[in-house]
Amino acid sequence: MSPERPYDILVWGATGFTGKLVAEYLVTKYHDVPIALGGRSRSKLEAVAQYIGAPNIPLLVADASDSAALDQIVRKARVVISTVGPFAIHGIPLVESAVRSGTHYCDTTGETDFIAEAIERVHEKARGTGVRVVPSCGFDSIPSDMCALLLATHFRSKYGEDTAEVRMSSVVASGGFSGGTLHSALGAFEKQKKPSKDIADPYILVEKEKKALIKSGNSSLPVGPLIRYDSVLKQWQGYFMMEFINTRYVWRSHSILNYGPKFTYSETMQANPIAAFVLAVSLPVAVVLLYLIKPLRDLLKWLVPQGAGPSEITRNTGFFVNKAAGVSESGRKAIATIMGQNDPGYNETAKLVAEAALCMVFDGDALAASAEGKDVAFPVQKGGVLTAASAMGMTLVERLKKAGMVFEVRDLRA
């Protein structure tokens, strides 16, 4: 801590459902770390401070539309965490403020269009100034990103080989759903006045100068078939609605880190064939209806208001298991497993984004060594609009292990 930056972490949007969980996690697990809560309403922030048992925690108030006021509080922290959605509507001013202020940034977004806009607006400046801007540090999309990184690191470190394919499967997930998540999803529809082919582009987040090369070297589709049997995982697989976000995020990691010239990534969920078929047919129809019918979106917003979310029991008894089948360039096979102990969308997301922020605060020496390529298969980047894998890499994996998550890789013998 320094006089210029009295807080290690600023939690922006602490009055929202997820923001409150992030603040509670930090205060409970890291009570000696100087943090502050930020938002537009002092009275609501005071209520959160009381709720998490930290009535004396510093509160920083600003309106995101006032760039000068926002800069004034953002420059007081080493890292800012944002949980304010819809990010496509509310997120860019804080990202720009973080880059102007020299403050690292991470968030819980699952909005690809927001990430693409952040890349367009601040990537080059952040890269030049050494500011790490790391979106999607929750269940969207750290488990997917780290599955790919684990396998690529395994093949590169153990065998000196590139990775040809990673097929991630959501084996099981138990948890709840909040109003904030719903409003973020519907907010993306509100901003997107007409369908955009860019949003459907699986390579939308790939480094521009590398997009043509990556597409030319990729001989398979970037998303898997809607229903298939995975011979490595030995389970039927169906459409996974988060693949639309996670695949694009992993492709950005690959474009920065280079897992191999023929690398491909796909994502599904474990399901029996009948359930997989029903989901594959019904989900696209539901998405189209929500996009086309505004009264339907308004009804959902009314039924599930922002601030509502799953109960404490649901959050504490939730869990998730992700497995990924990896294939090296020579045909070696391995399976990566990631497991979380709580509701993936909320308690685990709070843990993930908080630990990502703490990694940027406290693991600077390890990140600096990784950036220099010391004892790592894939050196991290010092600045830019990055991913968890390309900003923090295996340093974050080790931190998350200590926080109770499981990260494992094992070879499959022929």
Protein backbone atom coordinates (compact mmCIF):
# COMPACT_ATOMS: atom_id res chain seq x y z
CA MET A 1 0.00 0.00 0.00
CA SER A 2 1.22 3.49 -0.84
CA PRO A 3 -0.11 6.97 0.06
CA GLU A 4 -0.98 7.48 -3.61
CA ARG A 5 -2.90 4.19 -3.74
CA PRO A 6 -4.27 3.54 -0.24
CA TYR A 7 -6.37 0.55 -1.37
CA ASP A 8 -5.18 -2.68 -2.90
CA ILE A 9 -8.62 -3.45 -4.36
CA LEU A 10 -11.67 -1.36 -5.22
CA VAL A 11 -14.89 -3.38 -5.65
CA TRP A 12 -16.98 -1.34 -8.08
CA GLY A 13 -20.67 -2.22 -8.11
CA ALA A 14 -20.61 -3.64 -4.58
CA THR A 15 -24.34 -2.98 -4.13
CA GLY A 16 -25.28 -5.59 -6.74
CA PHE A 17 -25.81 -9.26 -5.92
CA THR A 18 -22.44 -10.48 -7.21
CA GLY A 19 -20.58 -7.37 -6.02
CA LYS A 20 -21.81 -7.95 -2.48
CA LEU A 21 -20.52 -11.54 -2.61
CA VAL A 22 -17.12 -10.38 -3.87
CA ALA A 23 -16.86 -7.82 -1.06
CA GLU A 24 -17.91 -10.41 1.51
CA TYR A 25 -15.33 -12.91 0.23
CA LEU A 26 -12.51 -10.38 0.45
CA VAL A 27 -13.48 -9.08 3.90
CA THR A 28 -13.90 -12.61 5.28
CA LYS A 29 -10.86 -14.30 3.75
CA TYR A 30 -8.45 -11.37 3.50
CA HIS A 31 -9.40 -9.01 6.32
CA ASP A 32 -5.89 -7.49 6.39
CA VAL A 33 -6.03 -6.43 2.73
CA PRO A 34 -7.05 -2.76 2.35
CA ILE A 35 -10.11 -2.68 0.11
CA ALA A 36 -12.79 -0.10 -0.67
CA LEU A 37 -16.32 -0.38 -1.99
CA GLY A 38 -17.42 1.81 -4.87
CA GLY A 39 -20.70 2.75 -6.51
CA ARG A 40 -23.20 5.51 -7.17
CA SER A 41 -25.19 5.43 -3.92
CA ARG A 42 -23.55 6.00 -0.54
CA SER A 43 -26.62 4.78 1.36
CA LYS A 44 -26.65 1.49 -0.55
CA LEU A 45 -22.91 1.05 -0.04
CA GLU A 46 -23.37 1.66 3.69
CA ALA A 47 -26.02 -1.07 3.76
CA VAL A 48 -23.60 -3.49 2.06
CA ALA A 49 -20.84 -2.58 4.51
CA GLN A 50 -23.16 -3.42 7.40
CA TYR A 51 -24.29 -6.66 5.74
CA ILE A 52 -20.73 -7.97 5.26
CA GLY A 53 -19.74 -7.02 8.80
CA ALA A 54 -17.38 -4.21 7.85
CA PRO A 55 -19.16 -0.98 8.82
CA ASN A 56 -15.93 1.02 8.71
CA ILE A 57 -14.78 -0.06 5.26
CA PRO A 58 -13.99 2.94 3.00
CA LEU A 59 -16.76 3.88 0.59
CA LEU A 60 -15.99 5.69 -2.67
CA VAL A 61 -18.90 7.29 -4.50
CA ALA A 62 -18.96 8.40 -8.14
CA ASP A 63 -21.15 8.31 -11.20
CA ALA A 64 -19.63 6.32 -14.07
CA SER A 65 -20.74 9.05 -16.48
CA ASP A 66 -18.46 11.57 -14.68
CA SER A 67 -15.01 10.59 -15.94
CA ALA A 68 -13.13 13.01 -13.68
CA ALA A 69 -14.89 11.75 -10.55
CA LEU A 70 -14.38 8.15 -11.65
CA ASP A 71 -10.65 8.71 -12.27
CA GLN A 72 -10.31 10.28 -8.84
CA ILE A 73 -11.43 7.11 -7.05
CA VAL A 74 -10.03 4.52 -9.46
CA ARG A 75 -6.48 5.87 -9.14
CA LYS A 76 -6.68 5.21 -5.39
CA ALA A 77 -6.55 1.42 -5.94
CA ARG A 78 -4.03 -0.98 -7.43
CA VAL A 79 -6.77 -3.14 -8.94
CA VAL A 80 -10.44 -2.47 -9.58
CA ILE A 81 -13.01 -5.28 -9.77
CA SER A 82 -16.19 -4.51 -11.69
CA THR A 83 -19.44 -6.45 -11.29
CA VAL A 84 -21.69 -3.83 -12.89
CA GLY A 85 -23.74 -5.14 -15.80
CA PRO A 86 -24.95 -5.01 -18.43
CA PHE A 87 -21.31 -4.32 -19.26
CA ALA A 88 -22.08 -3.44 -22.87
CA ILE A 89 -24.05 -0.48 -21.49
CA HIS A 90 -22.20 0.43 -18.28
CA GLY A 91 -18.74 -1.11 -18.55
CA ILE A 92 -16.56 0.90 -20.91
CA PRO A 93 -16.20 4.12 -18.82
CA LEU A 94 -14.63 2.16 -15.94
CA VAL A 95 -12.25 0.28 -18.27
CA GLU A 96 -11.11 3.55 -19.82
CA SER A 97 -10.71 5.09 -16.36
CA ALA A 98 -8.59 2.16 -15.18
CA VAL A 99 -6.24 2.51 -18.15
CA ARG A 100 -5.98 6.29 -17.70
CA SER A 101 -5.28 5.80 -13.99
CA GLY A 102 -2.73 3.00 -14.34
CA THR A 103 -4.96 0.65 -12.34
CA HIS A 104 -5.25 -3.03 -13.22
CA TYR A 105 -8.80 -4.22 -13.93
CA CYS A 106 -10.83 -7.43 -13.83
CA ASP A 107 -14.55 -8.16 -14.03
CA THR A 108 -17.32 -10.76 -14.16
CA THR A 109 -18.69 -10.05 -17.63
CA GLY A 110 -19.92 -12.71 -20.00
CA GLU A 111 -20.55 -10.24 -22.83
CA THR A 112 -18.38 -10.80 -25.89
CA ASP A 113 -19.38 -7.54 -27.55
CA PHE A 114 -18.22 -5.59 -24.50
CA ILE A 115 -14.82 -7.31 -24.56
CA ALA A 116 -14.49 -6.60 -28.28
CA GLU A 117 -15.23 -2.91 -27.67
CA ALA A 118 -12.71 -2.78 -24.83
CA ILE A 119 -10.05 -4.28 -27.12
CA GLU A 120 -10.83 -1.72 -29.78
CA ARG A 121 -10.75 1.23 -27.37
CA VAL A 122 -7.92 0.58 -24.92
CA HIS A 123 -5.85 -2.50 -25.80
CA GLU A 124 -2.91 -0.67 -27.37
CA LYS A 125 -2.75 1.99 -24.67
CA ALA A 126 -3.01 -0.60 -21.88
CA ARG A 127 -0.29 -2.69 -23.50
CA GLY A 128 1.97 0.33 -23.78
CA THR A 129 1.45 1.40 -20.15
CA GLY A 130 1.56 -2.07 -18.59
CA VAL A 131 -2.04 -2.08 -17.34
CA ARG A 132 -3.68 -5.50 -17.29
CA VAL A 133 -7.34 -5.34 -18.31
CA VAL A 134 -8.77 -8.82 -17.72
CA PRO A 135 -12.49 -9.31 -18.39
CA SER A 136 -14.48 -12.50 -17.72
CA CYS A 137 -12.75 -13.57 -14.51
CA GLY A 138 -15.75 -15.49 -13.14
CA PHE A 139 -17.34 -18.78 -14.16
CA ASP A 140 -17.36 -16.99 -17.50
CA SER A 141 -14.62 -17.81 -18.49
CA ILE A 142 -11.79 -18.87 -16.15
CA PRO A 143 -12.64 -22.62 -15.98
CA SER A 144 -12.70 -22.90 -19.78
CA ASP A 145 -9.62 -20.74 -20.21
CA MET A 146 -7.64 -22.69 -17.64
CA CYS A 147 -8.69 -26.08 -19.01
CA ALA A 148 -7.08 -25.12 -22.32
CA LEU A 149 -4.02 -23.63 -20.61
CA LEU A 150 -3.54 -26.69 -18.37
CA LEU A 151 -3.54 -29.07 -21.32
CA ALA A 152 -1.36 -26.87 -23.51
CA THR A 153 1.12 -26.44 -20.65
CA HIS A 154 1.11 -30.19 -20.00
CA PHE A 155 1.91 -31.12 -23.60
CA ARG A 156 4.49 -28.34 -24.03
CA SER A 157 6.29 -28.88 -20.67
CA LYS A 158 6.23 -32.68 -20.56
CA TYR A 159 6.62 -33.60 -24.21
CA GLY A 160 7.72 -30.43 -26.00
CA GLU A 161 4.64 -30.65 -28.23
CA ASP A 162 1.99 -28.20 -29.42
CA THR A 163 -1.68 -28.78 -28.68
CA ALA A 164 -3.89 -29.76 -31.59
CA GLU A 165 -7.29 -29.90 -29.91
CA VAL A 166 -9.11 -29.20 -26.65
CA ARG A 167 -12.72 -30.30 -26.15
CA MET A 168 -14.13 -28.94 -22.90
CA SER A 169 -17.22 -30.49 -21.29
CA SER A 170 -19.36 -29.10 -18.48
CA VAL A 171 -19.86 -32.40 -16.66
CA VAL A 172 -22.14 -31.10 -13.90
CA ALA A 173 -23.03 -27.74 -12.40
CA SER A 174 -25.39 -26.97 -9.54
CA GLY A 175 -26.39 -23.48 -8.54
CA GLY A 176 -28.84 -20.63 -8.99
CA PHE A 177 -29.57 -17.63 -11.18
CA SER A 178 -29.69 -13.92 -10.39
CA GLY A 179 -31.49 -10.90 -11.74
CA GLY A 180 -28.20 -9.22 -12.58
CA THR A 181 -27.16 -12.07 -14.86
CA LEU A 182 -30.53 -12.01 -16.61
CA HIS A 183 -30.47 -8.23 -17.04
CA SER A 184 -26.93 -8.38 -18.46
CA ALA A 185 -28.02 -10.95 -21.03
CA LEU A 186 -31.12 -8.98 -21.99
CA GLY A 187 -29.11 -5.75 -21.99
CA ALA A 188 -26.97 -7.15 -24.77
CA PHE A 189 -30.15 -7.52 -26.85
CA GLU A 190 -31.16 -3.95 -26.03
CA LYS A 191 -27.84 -2.55 -27.26
CA GLN A 192 -27.68 -4.76 -30.35
CA LYS A 193 -30.28 -3.04 -32.50
CA LYS A 194 -29.78 -5.47 -35.37
CA PRO A 195 -28.05 -8.83 -35.69
CA SER A 196 -24.31 -8.52 -36.21
CA LYS A 197 -22.24 -11.07 -38.07
CA ASP A 198 -19.29 -9.94 -35.95
CA ILE A 199 -20.95 -11.24 -32.77
CA ALA A 200 -21.42 -14.64 -34.41
CA ASP A 201 -17.76 -14.71 -35.46
CA PRO A 202 -15.96 -17.24 -33.22
CA TYR A 203 -12.72 -15.30 -33.79
CA ILE A 204 -14.13 -11.89 -32.81
CA LEU A 205 -11.67 -11.51 -29.91
CA VAL A 206 -8.61 -12.87 -31.70
CA GLU A 207 -5.67 -10.52 -32.20
CA LYS A 208 -6.41 -8.88 -35.56
CA GLU A 209 -3.01 -9.47 -37.09
CA LYS A 210 -3.25 -13.18 -36.25
CA LYS A 211 -6.84 -13.90 -37.26
CA ALA A 212 -6.16 -14.95 -40.85
CA LEU A 213 -3.28 -17.20 -39.82
CA ILE A 214 -5.30 -18.89 -37.07
CA LYS A 215 -8.29 -19.46 -39.34
CA SER A 216 -6.13 -20.86 -42.13
CA GLY A 217 -4.42 -23.32 -39.79
CA ASN A 218 -7.65 -24.51 -38.23
CA SER A 219 -9.04 -27.46 -40.15
CA SER A 220 -12.05 -28.08 -37.89
CA LEU A 221 -15.04 -26.08 -36.76
CA PRO A 222 -14.45 -23.86 -33.72
CA VAL A 223 -17.65 -25.18 -32.12
CA GLY A 224 -18.53 -28.84 -31.85
CA PRO A 225 -21.64 -30.57 -33.22
CA LEU A 226 -24.78 -30.11 -31.16
CA ILE A 227 -24.96 -33.80 -30.21
CA ARG A 228 -22.01 -36.19 -30.23
CA TYR A 229 -20.31 -38.95 -28.29
CA ASP A 230 -16.85 -38.06 -26.98
CA SER A 231 -14.64 -41.13 -27.21
CA VAL A 232 -12.04 -39.67 -24.82
CA LEU A 233 -14.43 -38.48 -22.12
CA LYS A 234 -16.67 -41.47 -22.86
CA GLN A 235 -19.89 -39.47 -22.50
CA TRP A 236 -22.58 -38.06 -24.75
CA GLN A 237 -22.25 -34.32 -25.25
CA GLY A 238 -24.85 -31.66 -26.05
CA TYR A 239 -24.97 -27.92 -26.69
CA PHE A 240 -23.60 -25.77 -23.85
CA MET A 241 -25.07 -22.27 -23.85
CA MET A 242 -21.92 -20.69 -22.39
CA GLU A 243 -19.78 -21.90 -25.31
CA PHE A 244 -20.80 -18.77 -27.21
CA ILE A 245 -18.82 -16.75 -24.68
CA ASN A 246 -16.12 -19.16 -23.56
CA THR A 247 -14.92 -20.34 -26.97
CA ARG A 248 -14.23 -16.79 -28.09
CA TYR A 249 -12.35 -16.09 -24.88
CA VAL A 250 -10.14 -19.19 -25.29
CA TRP A 251 -9.47 -18.25 -28.90
CA ARG A 252 -8.16 -14.89 -27.70
CA SER A 253 -5.85 -16.68 -25.24
CA HIS A 254 -4.56 -18.84 -28.07
CA SER A 255 -4.02 -15.85 -30.36
CA ILE A 256 -1.83 -14.27 -27.66
CA LEU A 257 -0.06 -17.36 -26.27
CA ASN A 258 0.00 -19.65 -29.36
CA TYR A 259 -0.90 -23.15 -28.22
CA GLY A 260 0.00 -24.53 -31.65
CA PRO A 261 -0.54 -23.83 -35.37
CA LYS A 262 -3.43 -26.29 -35.67
CA PHE A 263 -5.03 -25.66 -32.28
CA THR A 264 -8.82 -25.90 -32.10
CA TYR A 265 -11.22 -25.53 -29.19
CA SER A 266 -14.84 -26.55 -28.66
CA GLU A 267 -17.18 -26.70 -25.70
CA THR A 268 -20.18 -28.87 -24.83
CA MET A 269 -22.03 -30.19 -21.79
CA GLN A 270 -22.48 -33.77 -20.68
CA ALA A 271 -26.04 -34.89 -21.43
CA ASN A 272 -27.98 -37.89 -22.62
CA PRO A 273 -28.85 -37.78 -26.34
CA ILE A 274 -32.54 -36.96 -25.84
CA ALA A 275 -31.90 -34.08 -23.44
CA ALA A 276 -29.12 -32.82 -25.71
CA PHE A 277 -31.49 -32.79 -28.70
CA VAL A 278 -34.26 -30.95 -26.81
CA LEU A 279 -31.79 -28.32 -25.58
CA ALA A 280 -30.21 -27.91 -29.01
CA VAL A 281 -33.62 -27.21 -30.57
CA SER A 282 -35.28 -25.15 -27.82
CA LEU A 283 -32.46 -22.83 -26.77
CA PRO A 284 -31.90 -21.12 -30.16
CA VAL A 285 -35.69 -20.63 -30.48
CA ALA A 286 -35.83 -19.02 -27.03
CA VAL A 287 -32.94 -16.70 -27.87
CA VAL A 288 -34.57 -15.57 -31.12
CA LEU A 289 -37.89 -14.93 -29.37
CA LEU A 290 -36.20 -12.85 -26.66
CA TYR A 291 -34.35 -10.84 -29.30
CA LEU A 292 -37.47 -10.15 -31.37
CA ILE A 293 -40.12 -9.61 -28.67
CA LYS A 294 -39.38 -6.68 -26.35
CA PRO A 295 -42.48 -7.24 -24.13
CA LEU A 296 -41.15 -10.71 -23.38
CA ARG A 297 -37.83 -9.21 -22.26
CA ASP A 298 -39.68 -6.65 -20.14
CA LEU A 299 -41.74 -9.41 -18.51
CA LEU A 300 -38.63 -11.35 -17.56
CA LYS A 301 -37.02 -8.22 -16.11
CA TRP A 302 -40.13 -7.65 -14.01
CA LEU A 303 -40.27 -11.25 -12.81
CA VAL A 304 -36.56 -11.37 -11.91
CA PRO A 305 -35.45 -7.87 -10.81
CA GLN A 306 -31.82 -6.82 -10.47
CA GLY A 307 -30.49 -7.57 -7.00
CA ALA A 308 -32.42 -10.84 -6.71
CA GLY A 309 -30.44 -14.07 -6.60
CA PRO A 310 -30.13 -17.60 -5.25
CA SER A 311 -30.36 -18.24 -1.51
CA GLU A 312 -27.33 -18.73 0.71
CA ILE A 313 -28.13 -22.46 0.99
CA THR A 314 -28.24 -22.81 -2.80
CA ARG A 315 -24.98 -20.94 -3.18
CA ASN A 316 -23.18 -22.90 -0.47
CA THR A 317 -24.36 -26.32 -1.64
CA GLY A 318 -23.66 -25.73 -5.34
CA PHE A 319 -20.64 -27.05 -7.20
CA PHE A 320 -19.28 -27.66 -10.68
CA VAL A 321 -17.05 -30.11 -12.53
CA ASN A 322 -15.47 -29.37 -15.92
CA LYS A 323 -13.40 -31.87 -17.86
CA ALA A 324 -11.47 -31.27 -21.06
CA ALA A 325 -10.04 -33.79 -23.49
CA GLY A 326 -6.77 -32.66 -25.02
CA VAL A 327 -4.87 -34.02 -28.01
CA SER A 328 -1.28 -33.08 -28.80
CA GLU A 329 0.18 -32.65 -32.28
CA SER A 330 1.47 -36.24 -32.22
CA GLY A 331 -1.82 -37.68 -30.98
CA ARG A 332 -1.08 -37.95 -27.27
CA LYS A 333 -4.23 -37.63 -25.17
CA ALA A 334 -4.80 -36.14 -21.73
CA ILE A 335 -7.74 -35.04 -19.59
CA ALA A 336 -7.87 -31.86 -17.52
CA THR A 337 -10.30 -31.54 -14.61
CA ILE A 338 -11.39 -28.39 -12.81
CA MET A 339 -13.75 -28.50 -9.83
CA GLY A 340 -15.33 -25.82 -7.67
CA GLN A 341 -16.95 -26.23 -4.26
CA ASN A 342 -19.83 -23.74 -4.45
CA ASP A 343 -22.46 -22.30 -6.79
CA PRO A 344 -20.42 -21.61 -9.95
CA GLY A 345 -22.26 -18.45 -10.95
CA TYR A 346 -22.03 -16.72 -7.59
CA ASN A 347 -19.87 -17.96 -4.70
CA GLU A 348 -17.28 -19.48 -7.04
CA THR A 349 -17.43 -16.48 -9.36
CA ALA A 350 -16.84 -14.20 -6.37
CA LYS A 351 -13.84 -16.34 -5.42
CA LEU A 352 -12.49 -16.42 -8.98
CA VAL A 353 -12.62 -12.69 -9.64
CA ALA A 354 -11.37 -11.81 -6.14
CA GLU A 355 -8.41 -14.18 -6.44
CA ALA A 356 -7.64 -12.80 -9.91
CA ALA A 357 -7.46 -9.30 -8.42
CA LEU A 358 -5.32 -10.55 -5.53
CA CYS A 359 -3.02 -12.25 -8.02
CA MET A 360 -2.37 -8.92 -9.73
CA VAL A 361 -1.83 -7.24 -6.34
CA PHE A 362 0.39 -9.75 -4.55
CA ASP A 363 1.91 -12.08 -7.15
CA GLY A 364 3.83 -9.44 -9.05
CA ASP A 365 7.19 -11.19 -8.77
CA ALA A 366 5.79 -14.45 -10.12
CA LEU A 367 4.00 -12.62 -12.94
CA ALA A 368 7.15 -10.70 -13.82
CA ALA A 369 9.14 -13.95 -13.95
CA SER A 370 6.44 -15.52 -16.11
CA ALA A 371 6.46 -12.53 -18.45
CA GLU A 372 10.20 -13.13 -18.93
CA GLY A 373 9.52 -16.78 -19.78
CA LYS A 374 11.18 -18.20 -16.66
CA ASP A 375 10.08 -21.81 -16.00
CA VAL A 376 6.79 -21.42 -17.86
CA ALA A 377 5.52 -22.90 -21.11
CA PHE A 378 3.54 -19.78 -22.01
CA PRO A 379 4.82 -16.39 -20.79
CA VAL A 380 2.12 -13.99 -19.62
CA GLN A 381 1.68 -10.48 -20.97
CA LYS A 382 2.50 -7.31 -19.04
CA GLY A 383 -0.39 -5.22 -20.30
CA GLY A 384 -3.33 -4.96 -22.66
CA VAL A 385 -6.89 -6.26 -22.83
CA LEU A 386 -6.05 -9.83 -21.95
CA THR A 387 -7.53 -13.10 -20.73
CA ALA A 388 -6.92 -14.83 -17.43
CA ALA A 389 -4.53 -17.26 -19.12
CA SER A 390 -2.55 -14.59 -20.97
CA ALA A 391 -2.49 -12.12 -18.03
CA MET A 392 -1.82 -14.45 -15.09
CA GLY A 393 -1.41 -17.98 -16.45
CA MET A 394 -0.32 -20.75 -14.11
CA THR A 395 0.34 -18.22 -11.33
CA LEU A 396 -3.42 -17.79 -11.03
CA VAL A 397 -3.95 -21.56 -11.16
CA GLU A 398 -1.67 -22.02 -8.15
CA ARG A 399 -3.50 -19.29 -6.25
CA LEU A 400 -6.89 -20.84 -7.01
CA LYS A 401 -5.65 -24.23 -5.83
CA LYS A 402 -4.79 -22.66 -2.48
CA ALA A 403 -8.30 -21.18 -2.41
CA GLY A 404 -9.80 -24.68 -2.57
CA MET A 405 -10.35 -25.34 -6.27
CA VAL A 406 -9.13 -28.49 -8.02
CA PHE A 407 -6.94 -28.35 -11.14
CA GLU A 408 -5.61 -31.68 -12.44
CA VAL A 409 -4.18 -33.12 -15.66
CA ARG A 410 -3.57 -36.79 -16.39
CA ASP A 411 -2.31 -38.63 -19.44
CA LEU A 412 -4.44 -41.23 -21.17
CA ARG A 413 -2.50 -44.30 -22.20
CA ALA A 414 -3.21 -45.87 -25.56
